[in-house]
Amino acid sequence: RKSLNNHYKATRKKDTDIDWDFVYNTYNEFKTKQKFISVLEYPRIEGDDWIALICEKTNVRGESNMIVSNDHDIKQLVRSDIQYGWINFMSNEMYNNKNVFMPLNYKLFLSSIRNNNSEDIFNLNDNHTFLELCDNLTRTYKTNEIDWTQSLITKIISGDSSDNIKSVYLAKTTTGKLRGIGTKGAESILNEYLNEFGDVDMDDPDLAENIGDLICDKKKLSKDNIDKISVRVDENRKMIQLRTEFFPTEIK
């Protein structure tokens, strides 16, 4: 991402109240002494990229993933496939809030697992334990249903201030500051997209241009701005969407 945008995460500052030597020494000690956890590290690859690669490889084998993270970029990996029998969901705890993020219509997926769950004691599988885990989380945590494509598109349009990724459209306010499209505005544009073009297809070659067209309509801009906004949509997509095709071959 730094090679695409050298301002990526440039606004982040290291907290001077934290003893960073202690943090890094403790982390290195943890990595060398623990025996039951796989630690994956490689220069220029971030944690959510590793999670994306793990999900990709395990989903192909029909395996599910419980992701524990406070990083909301991960919402784009919250998906399920009834045909191949896998689901990716995410849980986190922040302060007193316990959240679990499940794919849209996850109850249909869990019902299909229950219907296929064997009661034959000579032909047991781990579905029962898995269903218990899901039921316990959705009962005790606040359950949020996620449409991964809509979550991703909204973030592409609005950008991510924590990573210094700007909105695809910026306008000057009366004070001279630049203001982008916020989450609410991005959701409004997405709803217009759904009404006009139907479900979002991330592989649609006209996706960026269609979004640019809708933003021009929404902001009452000349259609001459479509190309400029489309370029920014493509740039933000490269920064935000977790795509494993950019991984080094040796990592894959």
Protein backbone atom coordinates (compact mmCIF):
# COMPACT_ATOMS: atom_id res chain seq x y z
CA ARG A 1 0.00 0.00 0.00
CA LYS A 2 2.92 2.33 0.66
CA SER A 3 4.02 1.80 -2.94
CA LEU A 4 0.56 2.93 -4.11
CA ASN A 5 0.21 5.84 -1.69
CA ASN A 6 3.21 7.14 0.24
CA HIS A 7 0.83 9.01 2.59
CA TYR A 8 -0.68 5.70 3.78
CA LYS A 9 -0.94 5.77 7.61
CA ALA A 10 1.25 8.90 7.59
CA THR A 11 -0.95 10.65 10.16
CA ARG A 12 -0.44 7.97 12.80
CA LYS A 13 1.76 8.94 15.73
CA LYS A 14 3.47 6.59 18.16
CA ASP A 15 2.03 6.93 21.67
CA THR A 16 4.82 8.29 23.86
CA ASP A 17 3.07 7.04 27.02
CA ILE A 18 3.84 3.45 26.02
CA ASP A 19 7.18 1.74 26.74
CA TRP A 20 7.74 0.45 23.19
CA ASP A 21 10.96 -1.38 24.08
CA PHE A 22 8.96 -3.40 26.60
CA VAL A 23 6.21 -4.04 24.01
CA TYR A 24 8.58 -5.32 21.31
CA ASN A 25 10.71 -7.35 23.74
CA THR A 26 7.61 -8.99 25.21
CA TYR A 27 6.25 -9.71 21.73
CA ASN A 28 9.52 -11.32 20.63
CA GLU A 29 9.63 -13.38 23.82
CA PHE A 30 6.05 -14.51 23.22
CA LYS A 31 6.89 -15.62 19.67
CA THR A 32 9.90 -17.68 20.72
CA LYS A 33 8.35 -19.37 23.77
CA GLN A 34 4.77 -20.22 22.79
CA LYS A 35 4.24 -23.58 21.05
CA PHE A 36 0.61 -23.78 19.97
CA ILE A 37 0.08 -20.72 17.77
CA SER A 38 1.32 -20.11 14.23
CA VAL A 39 2.89 -16.66 13.95
CA LEU A 40 2.90 -15.29 10.41
CA GLU A 41 5.13 -12.32 9.57
CA TYR A 42 6.64 -10.89 6.42
CA PRO A 43 7.85 -7.40 5.46
CA ARG A 44 5.13 -5.11 4.04
CA ILE A 45 2.28 -7.56 4.75
CA GLU A 46 -0.28 -6.43 7.33
CA GLY A 47 -2.32 -8.55 9.71
CA ASP A 48 -5.59 -8.25 7.82
CA ASP A 49 -3.80 -9.39 4.65
CA TRP A 50 -2.68 -12.56 6.43
CA ILE A 51 -6.23 -13.16 7.60
CA ALA A 52 -7.51 -12.73 4.03
CA LEU A 53 -5.02 -15.32 2.75
CA ILE A 54 -5.92 -17.79 5.52
CA CYS A 55 -9.64 -17.39 4.76
CA GLU A 56 -9.05 -17.87 1.05
CA LYS A 57 -7.07 -21.09 1.55
CA THR A 58 -9.36 -22.60 4.20
CA ASN A 59 -12.62 -21.69 2.43
CA VAL A 60 -11.45 -23.61 -0.65
CA ARG A 61 -11.23 -26.67 1.63
CA GLY A 62 -14.76 -26.03 2.95
CA GLU A 63 -13.44 -24.81 6.32
CA SER A 64 -14.85 -21.92 8.36
CA ASN A 65 -13.05 -19.13 10.22
CA MET A 66 -13.72 -17.27 13.44
CA ILE A 67 -11.76 -14.01 13.21
CA VAL A 68 -11.01 -12.11 16.43
CA SER A 69 -10.23 -8.50 15.56
CA ASN A 70 -11.21 -4.88 16.19
CA ASP A 71 -10.21 -3.96 12.62
CA HIS A 72 -13.38 -3.19 10.69
CA ASP A 73 -11.59 -3.71 7.35
CA ILE A 74 -12.13 -7.39 8.16
CA LYS A 75 -15.89 -7.03 7.59
CA GLN A 76 -15.27 -7.63 3.89
CA LEU A 77 -14.23 -11.21 4.78
CA VAL A 78 -17.45 -11.90 6.70
CA ARG A 79 -19.10 -14.23 4.18
CA SER A 80 -20.61 -17.70 3.86
CA ASP A 81 -21.25 -20.32 1.20
CA ILE A 82 -24.03 -22.84 1.81
CA GLN A 83 -23.03 -24.99 -1.17
CA TYR A 84 -19.46 -25.52 0.03
CA GLY A 85 -20.33 -25.42 3.73
CA TRP A 86 -18.15 -22.61 5.10
CA ILE A 87 -18.72 -19.37 6.99
CA ASN A 88 -16.36 -16.60 8.11
CA PHE A 89 -17.47 -14.51 11.07
CA MET A 90 -15.78 -11.97 13.31
CA SER A 91 -15.93 -11.23 17.00
CA ASN A 92 -14.46 -8.45 19.09
CA GLU A 93 -14.69 -6.84 22.49
CA MET A 94 -14.21 -3.11 22.99
CA TYR A 95 -14.67 -1.75 26.51
CA ASN A 96 -18.00 -3.26 27.67
CA ASN A 97 -19.26 -4.04 24.17
CA LYS A 98 -19.13 -7.60 22.87
CA ASN A 99 -19.91 -7.89 19.18
CA VAL A 100 -20.13 -10.71 16.70
CA PHE A 101 -20.38 -9.91 12.99
CA MET A 102 -22.15 -12.59 10.96
CA PRO A 103 -22.80 -12.72 7.20
CA LEU A 104 -26.17 -11.57 5.90
CA ASN A 105 -28.72 -14.43 6.21
CA TYR A 106 -26.34 -16.42 8.41
CA LYS A 107 -29.32 -18.18 10.02
CA LEU A 108 -30.03 -19.91 6.71
CA PHE A 109 -26.45 -21.16 6.66
CA LEU A 110 -26.63 -22.46 10.25
CA SER A 111 -29.97 -24.15 9.48
CA SER A 112 -28.38 -25.98 6.55
CA ILE A 113 -25.57 -27.19 8.84
CA ARG A 114 -28.11 -28.36 11.42
CA ASN A 115 -30.11 -30.21 8.76
CA ASN A 116 -26.95 -32.00 7.60
CA ASN A 117 -25.68 -32.72 11.11
CA SER A 118 -25.37 -36.45 11.66
CA GLU A 119 -26.89 -37.98 14.81
CA ASP A 120 -25.27 -41.33 14.06
CA ILE A 121 -22.77 -42.02 16.87
CA PHE A 122 -20.65 -44.02 14.40
CA ASN A 123 -20.53 -41.13 11.94
CA LEU A 124 -19.96 -38.04 14.10
CA ASN A 125 -18.39 -34.79 12.88
CA ASP A 126 -17.52 -31.49 14.52
CA ASN A 127 -20.68 -29.70 13.34
CA HIS A 128 -22.33 -29.99 16.75
CA THR A 129 -19.44 -28.23 18.52
CA PHE A 130 -19.33 -25.58 15.78
CA LEU A 131 -23.06 -24.89 16.07
CA GLU A 132 -22.75 -24.61 19.85
CA LEU A 133 -20.03 -21.99 19.39
CA CYS A 134 -22.14 -19.96 16.94
CA ASP A 135 -25.26 -20.22 19.10
CA ASN A 136 -23.37 -19.14 22.21
CA LEU A 137 -21.81 -16.12 20.48
CA THR A 138 -25.06 -14.90 18.89
CA ARG A 139 -26.85 -15.35 22.23
CA THR A 140 -24.33 -13.55 24.45
CA TYR A 141 -22.83 -10.99 22.05
CA LYS A 142 -24.54 -8.22 20.10
CA THR A 143 -25.09 -9.78 16.67
CA ASN A 144 -24.51 -7.65 13.57
CA GLU A 145 -25.41 -8.97 10.10
CA ILE A 146 -22.96 -7.86 7.43
CA ASP A 147 -23.36 -7.58 3.68
CA TRP A 148 -19.65 -7.72 2.83
CA THR A 149 -19.88 -6.04 -0.58
CA GLN A 150 -21.92 -3.12 0.77
CA SER A 151 -19.54 -2.75 3.72
CA LEU A 152 -16.57 -2.65 1.33
CA ILE A 153 -18.12 -0.22 -1.16
CA THR A 154 -19.14 2.19 1.62
CA LYS A 155 -15.58 2.30 2.90
CA ILE A 156 -14.12 2.73 -0.59
CA ILE A 157 -16.35 5.78 -1.16
CA SER A 158 -15.83 7.40 2.24
CA GLY A 159 -12.17 6.44 2.69
CA ASP A 160 -10.47 5.64 5.99
CA SER A 161 -9.14 8.54 8.05
CA SER A 162 -7.25 6.21 10.43
CA ASP A 163 -5.16 4.97 7.47
CA ASN A 164 -5.05 8.42 5.81
CA ILE A 165 -7.09 7.19 2.83
CA LYS A 166 -9.20 10.09 1.58
CA SER A 167 -12.76 10.03 0.28
CA VAL A 168 -13.21 9.65 -3.48
CA TYR A 169 -14.71 13.15 -3.60
CA LEU A 170 -13.46 16.17 -1.67
CA ALA A 171 -15.02 19.65 -1.61
CA LYS A 172 -13.94 22.87 0.10
CA THR A 173 -16.06 24.08 3.00
CA THR A 174 -16.73 27.73 3.79
CA THR A 175 -13.67 27.67 6.08
CA GLY A 176 -11.46 26.43 3.24
CA LYS A 177 -11.03 22.92 4.62
CA LEU A 178 -11.54 19.87 2.42
CA ARG A 179 -14.49 17.67 3.33
CA GLY A 180 -15.16 14.24 1.88
CA ILE A 181 -18.15 11.92 1.74
CA GLY A 182 -18.87 10.45 5.18
CA THR A 183 -20.31 7.05 6.04
CA LYS A 184 -23.93 8.25 5.83
CA GLY A 185 -23.34 9.88 2.47
CA ALA A 186 -21.58 6.75 1.17
CA GLU A 187 -24.51 4.62 2.30
CA SER A 188 -26.91 6.96 0.46
CA ILE A 189 -24.87 6.65 -2.75
CA LEU A 190 -24.75 2.88 -2.33
CA ASN A 191 -28.54 2.72 -1.98
CA GLU A 192 -28.89 4.68 -5.21
CA TYR A 193 -26.46 2.27 -6.86
CA LEU A 194 -28.54 -0.72 -5.72
CA ASN A 195 -31.73 0.89 -7.04
CA GLU A 196 -30.21 1.71 -10.41
CA PHE A 197 -27.76 -1.15 -11.08
CA GLY A 198 -28.82 -3.96 -8.72
CA ASP A 199 -26.47 -5.94 -6.49
CA VAL A 200 -22.84 -4.86 -6.37
CA ASP A 201 -20.48 -7.00 -8.45
CA MET A 202 -16.88 -6.28 -7.45
CA ASP A 203 -15.71 -7.67 -10.81
CA ASP A 204 -17.92 -5.31 -12.82
CA PRO A 205 -15.55 -3.27 -15.08
CA ASP A 206 -18.03 -0.35 -14.95
CA LEU A 207 -18.24 -0.28 -11.14
CA ALA A 208 -15.98 2.75 -10.59
CA GLU A 209 -17.54 4.73 -13.45
CA ASN A 210 -21.07 4.02 -12.21
CA ILE A 211 -20.15 5.20 -8.71
CA GLY A 212 -18.55 8.33 -10.18
CA ASP A 213 -21.70 9.04 -12.18
CA LEU A 214 -23.91 8.71 -9.09
CA ILE A 215 -21.65 10.99 -7.04
CA CYS A 216 -21.80 13.64 -9.77
CA ASP A 217 -25.60 13.47 -9.69
CA LYS A 218 -25.67 13.59 -5.90
CA LYS A 219 -23.27 16.54 -5.64
CA LYS A 220 -24.67 18.30 -8.73
CA LEU A 221 -21.31 18.17 -10.48
CA SER A 222 -20.52 18.31 -14.16
CA LYS A 223 -20.24 14.89 -15.79
CA ASP A 224 -16.67 15.91 -16.68
CA ASN A 225 -15.79 14.87 -13.10
CA ILE A 226 -16.78 11.21 -13.60
CA ASP A 227 -13.36 10.09 -14.82
CA LYS A 228 -11.52 11.84 -11.98
CA ILE A 229 -13.79 10.30 -9.33
CA SER A 230 -13.60 6.88 -11.02
CA VAL A 231 -9.80 6.95 -10.77
CA ARG A 232 -10.08 7.69 -7.04
CA VAL A 233 -12.56 4.83 -6.60
CA ASP A 234 -10.06 2.44 -8.22
CA GLU A 235 -7.22 3.83 -6.09
CA ASN A 236 -9.20 3.43 -2.85
CA ARG A 237 -10.23 -0.07 -3.87
CA LYS A 238 -6.56 -1.08 -4.24
CA MET A 239 -5.84 0.33 -0.78
CA ILE A 240 -8.86 -1.08 1.07
CA GLN A 241 -9.94 -4.33 -0.60
CA LEU A 242 -8.02 -7.35 0.69
CA ARG A 243 -6.79 -9.04 -2.49
CA THR A 244 -4.30 -11.88 -2.20
CA GLU A 245 -3.20 -11.83 -5.84
CA PHE A 246 -0.68 -9.15 -4.86
CA PHE A 247 1.04 -11.48 -2.38
CA PRO A 248 4.61 -12.62 -3.09
CA THR A 249 4.63 -16.09 -4.64
CA GLU A 250 6.74 -17.56 -1.79
CA ILE A 251 4.11 -16.44 0.75
CA LYS A 252 1.27 -18.08 -1.15
